[in-house]
Amino acid sequence: MVFNLLLTWALLKALNRLTGIRWWEQTMSYRICPRCSGFVEVRHLGKHFKVICSQCGASYQTQPGEVNDQIAAYFRFMDVMEGGEPSQKAKVKPKAPQRREPPSGYTPPRSKEEWERQIKHAGVPSLKALPKVVQRILADPAHYLVKYQQFPDTTPDPGCEIDNAPFDDQLKVALKRQGLTHLFQFQEDAVQQILAGKDVVVSAPTATGKTEAFAIPIIQQILERQVGWGPLRAAEKRRVQAIFIYPTKALARDQSGKLAILASSVGLDVAVLDGDTPKSERAAIFRQPPDILITNPDMLHIHLIRPRDPIRRLVRTAQHVVLDELHVYVGAFGANVHFLLRRLQRICPRLQLIGASATVANAQEFAELLFGRSVTSIYCDTGKKGVIHFLMLYPERISQSTMIASVARELVRHDLKTLVFANTHKNAEVINLIARQTQLKSA
């Protein structure tokens, strides 16, 4: 028994000489060092904790009773690194947390009266008029409130009600069932121009309803041309009547769900054809073509250059082509798409071209160059946004990373979807680690 213990101790000492690690110490490894992003190891040495970066050599040793566990020791190491970088060779002597000074010439508002003065200056009558989550963030003594500003909600100009729109009765019922009771003015203008057969480019901010602006009138025209309804149509009458082109497969798959719900409510079919489409689904598309085909430029280019490719026969009945995310088609990619559209126009003689984008500048000129045709521009400069609360905070008793994680935790606690941006990948990893250690689900 004694011999076995002595042998084990000798082996551990030998490993210590070879690796420099005391294997009998309790250790815990992290992946983040604030300086070099290397591995950081936390060792428990009786009453002390020692934090060491295996890559750059930065280290810190706690005093007895300073922290209670390895996680707290790691956070103390992070605070010391942010307050003043430790030596790469020598141990870092612990120092008391230093109060962060605000910018020169600035008096931080700490009292409730000063907060209210800033908030009233922003147009808010009182603190109670703010959402609870904003009140809790403002009341946190761990940071200063430097600036508060409120941006009012905005919405595009209203258009006609769905009941007064030039749509089929079944389409009106389907739209109202999905909660769409009226159109915005730019949507109404787009509907009128598309129903008139014009080539159109729709330019509107994100999340304002661009998809509905071109999808609804196209569905309306398909309904006007079809003989029967949905499954009552004869099989020989089924054909691709509209092609929706998205620059990437991921975006096409993302938008296909919304389009499928809208089209299926009036008996129309939607299918996605790209490189990820299984062979069985491709065969079903060729056997029974959908009314609306969703694809990407690369897929069309590969198959349209082949004279006897089945996709040429599939798309030759199309009468509408939609290019979403129009701003992507620039440079060599844009030139290739331009010639792709010219090939489509030779295959499909009666083709209406429609473009949409949220960010393209001078949309009409851009679309005319891409399409090779004159187009009608539909423009909306007002997005659909809720009230925005802008808070500029400055940490007082904690590090900046800890403050960001604390604010994010408060937002999540109030069931708000939260997105955190950081200046560097390293800072993002640190914030994510702190959030996870405080039981906040983050990625």
Protein backbone atom coordinates (compact mmCIF):
# COMPACT_ATOMS: atom_id res chain seq x y z
CA MET A 1 0.00 0.00 0.00
CA VAL A 2 2.73 2.43 1.03
CA PHE A 3 4.80 1.37 -1.97
CA ASN A 4 1.89 2.14 -4.34
CA LEU A 5 1.43 5.62 -2.83
CA LEU A 6 5.13 6.39 -3.14
CA LEU A 7 5.11 5.17 -6.76
CA THR A 8 2.10 7.37 -7.60
CA TRP A 9 3.74 10.40 -5.97
CA ALA A 10 6.95 9.78 -7.92
CA LEU A 11 5.02 9.59 -11.21
CA LEU A 12 3.23 12.87 -10.45
CA LYS A 13 6.51 14.59 -9.63
CA ALA A 14 8.00 13.30 -12.88
CA LEU A 15 5.04 14.65 -14.85
CA ASN A 16 5.47 17.97 -13.05
CA ARG A 17 9.11 18.20 -14.15
CA LEU A 18 8.19 17.35 -17.75
CA THR A 19 5.14 19.62 -18.17
CA GLY A 20 5.47 22.25 -15.45
CA ILE A 21 1.91 21.54 -14.27
CA ARG A 22 1.10 20.44 -10.73
CA TRP A 23 -1.27 17.59 -11.49
CA TRP A 24 -2.50 17.35 -7.91
CA GLU A 25 -3.97 20.85 -8.09
CA GLN A 26 -7.61 21.35 -9.06
CA THR A 27 -7.69 23.24 -12.38
CA MET A 28 -10.29 24.70 -14.70
CA SER A 29 -9.60 25.79 -18.30
CA TYR A 30 -11.19 28.61 -20.26
CA ARG A 31 -10.63 29.60 -23.88
CA ILE A 32 -10.45 33.37 -23.52
CA CYS A 33 -7.53 35.60 -22.59
CA PRO A 34 -8.32 39.32 -22.98
CA ARG A 35 -4.86 39.97 -24.37
CA CYS A 36 -4.16 37.11 -26.79
CA SER A 37 -7.37 35.00 -26.88
CA GLY A 38 -5.35 32.00 -25.71
CA PHE A 39 -6.26 29.33 -23.18
CA VAL A 40 -6.58 30.54 -19.58
CA GLU A 41 -6.20 28.07 -16.71
CA VAL A 42 -7.54 28.64 -13.18
CA ARG A 43 -5.80 26.61 -10.44
CA HIS A 44 -7.10 26.15 -6.91
CA LEU A 45 -4.17 26.32 -4.48
CA GLY A 46 -5.70 25.85 -1.07
CA LYS A 47 -6.85 29.33 -0.01
CA HIS A 48 -5.63 30.93 -3.24
CA PHE A 49 -6.64 30.84 -6.89
CA LYS A 50 -4.07 31.31 -9.64
CA VAL A 51 -5.05 32.36 -13.16
CA ILE A 52 -2.49 31.74 -15.92
CA CYS A 53 -2.60 32.25 -19.69
CA SER A 54 -0.69 29.42 -21.36
CA GLN A 55 0.01 31.50 -24.47
CA CYS A 56 1.14 34.99 -23.39
CA GLY A 57 2.07 34.14 -19.78
CA ALA A 58 -0.18 36.72 -18.09
CA SER A 59 -1.02 35.58 -14.56
CA TYR A 60 -2.84 36.66 -11.43
CA GLN A 61 -3.03 35.18 -7.92
CA THR A 62 -5.85 36.04 -5.54
CA GLN A 63 -5.51 36.78 -1.84
CA PRO A 64 -7.17 34.55 0.80
CA GLY A 65 -10.88 35.31 0.94
CA GLU A 66 -10.81 37.59 -2.12
CA VAL A 67 -12.96 35.21 -4.19
CA ASN A 68 -14.83 32.02 -3.42
CA ASP A 69 -14.63 29.98 -6.62
CA GLN A 70 -12.75 29.59 -9.89
CA ILE A 71 -15.29 31.52 -11.95
CA ALA A 72 -15.00 34.54 -9.66
CA ALA A 73 -11.20 34.28 -9.86
CA TYR A 74 -11.38 34.34 -13.64
CA PHE A 75 -13.63 37.43 -13.61
CA ARG A 76 -11.20 39.12 -11.19
CA PHE A 77 -8.41 38.35 -13.65
CA MET A 78 -10.49 39.96 -16.41
CA ASP A 79 -11.06 43.10 -14.33
CA VAL A 80 -7.34 43.42 -13.60
CA MET A 81 -6.51 42.97 -17.28
CA GLU A 82 -8.96 45.69 -18.30
CA GLY A 83 -7.84 48.06 -15.54
CA GLY A 84 -4.14 47.70 -16.40
CA GLU A 85 -2.42 44.84 -18.17
CA PRO A 86 -0.33 42.55 -15.94
CA SER A 87 3.26 41.66 -16.60
CA GLN A 88 3.81 38.72 -18.91
CA LYS A 89 6.43 37.26 -16.58
CA ALA A 90 5.78 38.42 -13.03
CA LYS A 91 2.69 37.85 -10.93
CA VAL A 92 0.13 40.60 -10.86
CA LYS A 93 -0.36 42.04 -7.42
CA PRO A 94 -4.06 42.39 -6.62
CA LYS A 95 -5.31 45.93 -6.37
CA ALA A 96 -8.53 47.44 -5.19
CA PRO A 97 -11.14 48.11 -7.88
CA GLN A 98 -10.69 51.59 -9.28
CA ARG A 99 -13.61 53.87 -9.93
CA ARG A 100 -13.87 54.64 -13.64
CA GLU A 101 -13.80 58.36 -14.24
CA PRO A 102 -16.36 59.86 -16.65
CA PRO A 103 -15.21 61.96 -19.62
CA SER A 104 -13.68 65.34 -18.76
CA GLY A 105 -16.17 68.15 -18.41
CA TYR A 106 -19.08 65.77 -17.88
CA THR A 107 -21.13 65.58 -14.69
CA PRO A 108 -22.90 62.22 -14.63
CA PRO A 109 -26.62 62.39 -13.80
CA ARG A 110 -27.07 60.29 -10.68
CA SER A 111 -30.15 61.69 -8.98
CA LYS A 112 -33.70 61.00 -10.05
CA GLU A 113 -34.22 64.72 -10.73
CA GLU A 114 -31.29 64.81 -13.13
CA TRP A 115 -32.55 61.70 -14.91
CA GLU A 116 -35.99 63.22 -15.27
CA ARG A 117 -34.47 66.42 -16.64
CA GLN A 118 -32.69 64.45 -19.39
CA ILE A 119 -35.77 62.39 -20.14
CA LYS A 120 -38.08 65.42 -20.29
CA HIS A 121 -35.61 67.08 -22.63
CA ALA A 122 -36.05 64.04 -24.90
CA GLY A 123 -39.83 64.58 -24.95
CA VAL A 124 -40.86 62.01 -22.31
CA PRO A 125 -43.10 63.46 -19.54
CA SER A 126 -41.71 61.32 -16.68
CA LEU A 127 -39.81 58.16 -15.77
CA LYS A 128 -43.08 56.29 -15.31
CA ALA A 129 -43.88 56.85 -18.98
CA LEU A 130 -40.91 54.67 -19.95
CA PRO A 131 -41.11 50.87 -20.28
CA LYS A 132 -40.27 48.93 -17.11
CA VAL A 133 -37.10 47.49 -18.62
CA VAL A 134 -35.77 50.99 -19.42
CA GLN A 135 -36.59 52.15 -15.89
CA ARG A 136 -34.67 49.21 -14.38
CA ILE A 137 -31.63 49.86 -16.58
CA LEU A 138 -31.63 53.55 -15.64
CA ALA A 139 -31.92 52.74 -11.93
CA ASP A 140 -28.90 50.41 -11.91
CA PRO A 141 -26.15 52.13 -9.82
CA ALA A 142 -23.40 50.17 -11.57
CA HIS A 143 -23.29 52.60 -14.50
CA TYR A 144 -23.86 56.23 -15.45
CA LEU A 145 -26.55 57.46 -17.78
CA VAL A 146 -24.66 59.63 -20.27
CA LYS A 147 -27.35 60.26 -22.87
CA TYR A 148 -31.00 59.36 -23.41
CA GLN A 149 -32.99 59.96 -26.58
CA GLN A 150 -36.29 58.61 -27.83
CA PHE A 151 -37.17 58.13 -31.49
CA PRO A 152 -40.90 57.91 -32.25
CA ASP A 153 -42.48 55.04 -34.13
CA THR A 154 -42.84 55.39 -37.89
CA THR A 155 -45.04 53.71 -40.48
CA PRO A 156 -45.42 54.12 -44.26
CA ASP A 157 -48.30 56.17 -45.63
CA PRO A 158 -51.54 54.14 -45.56
CA GLY A 159 -53.21 53.02 -48.77
CA CYS A 160 -56.54 51.43 -49.60
CA GLU A 161 -58.26 48.73 -47.57
CA ILE A 162 -58.12 45.16 -48.81
CA ASP A 163 -61.88 45.20 -49.49
CA ASN A 164 -61.38 48.05 -51.96
CA ALA A 165 -58.32 46.56 -53.68
CA PRO A 166 -58.65 45.04 -57.19
CA PHE A 167 -58.28 41.47 -55.92
CA ASP A 168 -60.33 38.33 -56.28
CA ASP A 169 -62.75 37.70 -53.40
CA GLN A 170 -60.94 34.53 -52.34
CA LEU A 171 -57.63 36.36 -52.28
CA LYS A 172 -59.15 39.13 -50.14
CA VAL A 173 -60.41 36.56 -47.64
CA ALA A 174 -56.99 34.87 -47.52
CA LEU A 175 -55.19 38.18 -46.93
CA LYS A 176 -57.55 39.23 -44.14
CA ARG A 177 -57.17 35.81 -42.54
CA GLN A 178 -53.44 36.52 -42.32
CA GLY A 179 -54.08 39.86 -40.62
CA LEU A 180 -53.59 42.10 -43.67
CA THR A 181 -56.54 44.53 -43.61
CA HIS A 182 -55.09 47.37 -45.69
CA LEU A 183 -52.20 48.18 -48.00
CA PHE A 184 -49.56 50.83 -47.59
CA GLN A 185 -49.51 53.49 -50.27
CA PHE A 186 -46.35 52.18 -51.94
CA GLN A 187 -47.88 48.67 -52.00
CA GLU A 188 -51.04 50.03 -53.64
CA ASP A 189 -48.94 51.84 -56.26
CA ALA A 190 -46.91 48.68 -56.94
CA VAL A 191 -50.09 46.59 -57.27
CA GLN A 192 -51.55 48.99 -59.83
CA GLN A 193 -48.40 49.09 -61.96
CA ILE A 194 -47.81 45.31 -61.86
CA LEU A 195 -51.45 44.55 -62.71
CA ALA A 196 -51.07 46.96 -65.65
CA GLY A 197 -48.18 44.82 -66.94
CA LYS A 198 -45.41 47.36 -66.30
CA ASP A 199 -41.83 46.43 -65.41
CA VAL A 200 -41.42 47.68 -61.83
CA VAL A 201 -38.71 48.21 -59.23
CA VAL A 202 -39.85 48.52 -55.59
CA SER A 203 -37.52 50.30 -53.17
CA ALA A 204 -38.60 50.38 -49.52
CA PRO A 205 -36.96 49.93 -46.09
CA THR A 206 -36.60 46.50 -44.52
CA ALA A 207 -39.72 44.89 -43.00
CA THR A 208 -42.19 47.24 -44.68
CA GLY A 209 -43.88 44.66 -46.91
CA LYS A 210 -41.92 44.59 -50.18
CA THR A 211 -42.67 40.89 -50.66
CA GLU A 212 -46.42 41.52 -50.43
CA ALA A 213 -46.08 44.47 -52.83
CA PHE A 214 -45.04 42.20 -55.73
CA ALA A 215 -46.32 38.76 -54.64
CA ILE A 216 -49.99 39.71 -54.22
CA PRO A 217 -50.51 41.22 -57.72
CA ILE A 218 -48.65 38.30 -59.32
CA ILE A 219 -50.91 35.82 -57.51
CA GLN A 220 -53.92 37.88 -58.61
CA GLN A 221 -52.86 37.63 -62.27
CA ILE A 222 -52.29 33.89 -61.99
CA LEU A 223 -55.79 33.50 -60.56
CA GLU A 224 -57.24 35.50 -63.44
CA ARG A 225 -55.55 33.25 -66.02
CA GLN A 226 -56.33 29.87 -64.53
CA VAL A 227 -59.41 27.92 -65.57
CA GLY A 228 -60.31 26.14 -62.33
CA TRP A 229 -59.35 26.43 -58.65
CA GLY A 230 -56.40 24.64 -57.10
CA PRO A 231 -56.74 20.85 -57.37
CA LEU A 232 -59.77 21.26 -59.70
CA ARG A 233 -57.48 22.46 -62.48
CA ALA A 234 -56.70 19.97 -65.22
CA ALA A 235 -53.23 18.51 -65.01
CA GLU A 236 -52.30 19.72 -68.51
CA LYS A 237 -53.05 23.31 -67.48
CA ARG A 238 -50.44 23.32 -64.70
CA ARG A 239 -47.38 25.35 -65.64
CA VAL A 240 -44.80 27.68 -64.12
CA GLN A 241 -46.18 31.19 -64.38
CA ALA A 242 -43.79 33.13 -62.11
CA ILE A 243 -40.11 32.75 -61.20
CA PHE A 244 -38.86 34.31 -57.96
CA ILE A 245 -35.05 34.64 -58.01
CA TYR A 246 -33.09 35.16 -54.79
CA PRO A 247 -29.29 35.62 -54.72
CA THR A 248 -28.65 32.78 -52.24
CA LYS A 249 -30.20 29.42 -51.44
CA ALA A 250 -30.62 30.34 -47.77
CA LEU A 251 -32.64 33.46 -48.60
CA ALA A 252 -34.76 31.52 -51.10
CA ARG A 253 -35.59 28.89 -48.48
CA ASP A 254 -36.35 31.58 -45.93
CA GLN A 255 -38.82 33.40 -48.18
CA SER A 256 -40.43 30.25 -49.58
CA GLY A 257 -42.40 29.64 -46.38
CA LYS A 258 -44.09 33.05 -46.47
CA LEU A 259 -44.87 32.75 -50.19
CA ALA A 260 -46.16 29.19 -49.82
CA ILE A 261 -48.63 30.21 -47.09
CA LEU A 262 -49.97 33.07 -49.19
CA ALA A 263 -50.21 31.04 -52.42
CA SER A 264 -51.65 27.85 -50.91
CA SER A 265 -54.48 29.84 -49.33
CA VAL A 266 -55.89 30.39 -52.85
CA GLY A 267 -54.98 26.97 -54.28
CA LEU A 268 -51.65 27.80 -55.93
CA ASP A 269 -48.44 25.79 -55.70
CA VAL A 270 -44.95 27.00 -54.74
CA ALA A 271 -41.75 24.96 -55.10
CA VAL A 272 -38.05 25.59 -54.49
CA LEU A 273 -35.54 24.37 -57.08
CA ASP A 274 -31.87 24.69 -56.18
CA GLY A 275 -28.81 22.56 -55.62
CA ASP A 276 -30.21 21.19 -52.34
CA THR A 277 -33.50 20.00 -53.86
CA PRO A 278 -33.63 16.16 -53.60
CA LYS A 279 -33.90 14.13 -56.79
CA SER A 280 -37.41 12.95 -55.91
CA GLU A 281 -38.64 16.53 -55.44
CA ARG A 282 -37.08 17.59 -58.75
CA ALA A 283 -38.89 14.78 -60.52
CA ALA A 284 -42.16 15.90 -58.92
CA ILE A 285 -41.54 19.51 -60.07
CA PHE A 286 -40.96 18.38 -63.68
CA ARG A 287 -43.94 16.03 -63.55
CA GLN A 288 -46.35 18.55 -62.02
CA PRO A 289 -44.91 22.08 -62.34
CA PRO A 290 -45.77 24.62 -59.62
CA ASP A 291 -47.40 27.96 -60.31
CA ILE A 292 -44.48 29.81 -58.66
CA LEU A 293 -40.90 28.55 -58.89
CA ILE A 294 -38.31 29.85 -56.39
CA THR A 295 -34.67 29.52 -57.40
CA ASN A 296 -31.33 31.36 -57.64
CA PRO A 297 -29.28 32.77 -60.56
CA ASP A 298 -26.64 30.03 -60.51
CA MET A 299 -29.26 27.30 -60.85
CA LEU A 300 -30.86 28.98 -63.87
CA HIS A 301 -27.51 29.76 -65.49
CA ILE A 302 -26.26 26.17 -65.29
CA HIS A 303 -29.39 24.72 -66.90
CA LEU A 304 -30.34 27.42 -69.42
CA ILE A 305 -27.03 27.11 -71.29
CA ARG A 306 -27.96 23.50 -72.16
CA PRO A 307 -30.24 23.43 -75.22
CA ARG A 308 -32.15 20.28 -74.23
CA ASP A 309 -32.23 20.75 -70.47
CA PRO A 310 -35.67 20.00 -68.93
CA ILE A 311 -35.57 23.26 -66.94
CA ARG A 312 -35.75 25.20 -70.22
CA ARG A 313 -39.09 23.53 -70.93
CA LEU A 314 -40.16 24.11 -67.33
CA VAL A 315 -39.65 27.89 -67.33
CA ARG A 316 -40.69 28.75 -70.89
CA THR A 317 -44.30 29.35 -69.75
CA ALA A 318 -43.30 31.93 -67.13
CA GLN A 319 -44.77 35.43 -67.47
CA HIS A 320 -43.28 37.09 -64.36
CA VAL A 321 -39.70 37.18 -63.07
CA VAL A 322 -38.92 38.74 -59.69
CA LEU A 323 -35.40 39.60 -58.53
CA ASP A 324 -35.34 40.32 -54.81
CA GLU A 325 -32.33 41.92 -53.06
CA LEU A 326 -31.57 43.83 -56.26
CA HIS A 327 -28.57 45.62 -54.72
CA VAL A 328 -26.59 42.36 -54.71
CA TYR A 329 -26.41 42.21 -58.51
CA VAL A 330 -23.36 44.42 -59.07
CA GLY A 331 -20.00 43.91 -60.75
CA ALA A 332 -19.34 40.64 -62.57
CA PHE A 333 -22.25 38.95 -60.76
CA GLY A 334 -24.62 41.68 -61.95
CA ALA A 335 -23.34 41.38 -65.53
CA ASN A 336 -23.95 37.62 -65.48
CA VAL A 337 -27.49 38.14 -64.17
CA HIS A 338 -28.12 40.74 -66.90
CA PHE A 339 -27.31 38.20 -69.61
CA LEU A 340 -29.25 35.52 -67.74
CA LEU A 341 -32.34 37.74 -67.98
CA ARG A 342 -31.73 38.21 -71.70
CA ARG A 343 -31.65 34.42 -72.17
CA LEU A 344 -34.88 34.13 -70.20
CA GLN A 345 -36.52 36.77 -72.39
CA ARG A 346 -35.64 34.74 -75.51
CA ILE A 347 -37.19 31.63 -73.97
CA CYS A 348 -40.20 33.46 -72.48
CA PRO A 349 -41.39 36.10 -74.99
CA ARG A 350 -44.00 37.69 -72.67
CA LEU A 351 -41.99 38.33 -69.54
CA GLN A 352 -42.66 40.98 -66.90
CA LEU A 353 -39.58 41.94 -64.86
CA ILE A 354 -39.91 43.08 -61.24
CA GLY A 355 -37.11 44.07 -58.85
CA ALA A 356 -37.07 44.85 -55.13
CA SER A 357 -34.46 46.18 -52.73
CA ALA A 358 -34.15 47.99 -49.42
CA THR A 359 -30.76 49.63 -49.90
CA VAL A 360 -30.05 50.23 -53.59
CA ALA A 361 -29.35 53.86 -54.49
CA ASN A 362 -31.10 55.32 -57.56
CA ALA A 363 -33.20 52.19 -57.97
CA GLN A 364 -34.74 53.11 -61.32
CA GLU A 365 -31.42 53.71 -63.10
CA PHE A 366 -29.92 50.58 -61.55
CA ALA A 367 -32.89 48.39 -62.55
CA GLU A 368 -32.94 49.73 -66.11
CA LEU A 369 -29.26 48.83 -66.53
CA LEU A 370 -29.82 45.36 -65.08
CA PHE A 371 -33.05 44.61 -66.95
CA GLY A 372 -32.16 46.36 -70.20
CA ARG A 373 -35.63 47.92 -70.18
CA SER A 374 -37.46 51.01 -68.99
CA VAL A 375 -38.98 50.45 -65.55
CA THR A 376 -41.42 52.21 -63.25
CA SER A 377 -39.99 53.07 -59.83
CA ILE A 378 -42.04 52.65 -56.64
CA TYR A 379 -40.28 54.32 -53.73
CA CYS A 380 -41.00 54.45 -50.00
CA ASP A 381 -38.61 56.26 -47.65
CA THR A 382 -40.42 55.60 -44.36
CA GLY A 383 -39.89 52.26 -42.65
CA LYS A 384 -42.16 50.46 -40.24
CA LYS A 385 -40.52 50.83 -36.82
CA GLY A 386 -41.61 50.93 -33.21
CA VAL A 387 -40.44 53.40 -30.58
CA ILE A 388 -36.64 53.35 -30.17
CA HIS A 389 -35.06 54.10 -26.77
CA PHE A 390 -31.41 55.17 -27.16
CA LEU A 391 -29.34 54.90 -23.96
CA MET A 392 -25.64 55.71 -23.72
CA LEU A 393 -24.22 54.15 -20.55
CA TYR A 394 -20.81 54.40 -18.88
CA PRO A 395 -19.64 51.71 -16.41
CA GLU A 396 -18.81 52.86 -12.88
CA ARG A 397 -18.24 49.85 -10.61
CA ILE A 398 -17.89 47.08 -13.19
CA SER A 399 -16.06 46.46 -16.44
CA GLN A 400 -17.57 47.37 -19.77
CA SER A 401 -18.06 43.72 -20.75
CA THR A 402 -19.86 42.97 -17.48
CA MET A 403 -22.10 46.02 -17.97
CA ILE A 404 -23.07 44.92 -21.48
CA ALA A 405 -23.88 41.41 -20.25
CA SER A 406 -25.92 42.88 -17.37
CA VAL A 407 -28.00 45.08 -19.70
CA ALA A 408 -28.53 42.14 -22.07
CA ARG A 409 -29.69 39.97 -19.16
CA GLU A 410 -32.22 42.65 -18.15
CA LEU A 411 -33.57 42.83 -21.70
CA VAL A 412 -33.92 39.05 -21.96
CA ARG A 413 -35.61 38.95 -18.55
CA HIS A 414 -38.36 41.14 -20.06
CA ASP A 415 -38.75 38.74 -23.03
CA LEU A 416 -37.04 41.03 -25.53
CA LYS A 417 -35.00 39.56 -28.37
CA THR A 418 -31.50 40.92 -27.88
CA LEU A 419 -28.59 41.33 -30.30
CA VAL A 420 -25.22 42.48 -28.91
CA PHE A 421 -22.49 43.95 -31.12
CA ALA A 422 -18.84 44.18 -30.07
CA ASN A 423 -15.86 45.99 -31.57
CA THR A 424 -13.75 42.84 -31.84
CA HIS A 425 -14.23 39.09 -31.89
CA LYS A 426 -12.34 38.88 -28.60
CA ASN A 427 -14.75 41.27 -26.86
CA ALA A 428 -17.70 39.33 -28.22
CA GLU A 429 -16.30 36.08 -26.78
CA VAL A 430 -15.74 37.71 -23.37
CA ILE A 431 -19.29 39.11 -23.25
CA ASN A 432 -20.69 35.75 -24.30
CA LEU A 433 -18.70 33.96 -21.59
CA ILE A 434 -19.87 36.36 -18.86
CA ALA A 435 -23.46 36.00 -20.05
CA ARG A 436 -23.27 32.21 -19.94
CA GLN A 437 -21.78 32.22 -16.44
CA THR A 438 -24.76 34.28 -15.24
CA GLN A 439 -27.23 31.69 -16.58
CA LEU A 440 -28.08 33.73 -19.69
CA LYS A 441 -28.58 31.69 -22.83
CA SER A 442 -26.43 33.27 -25.53
CA ALA A 443 -24.66 32.30 -28.71
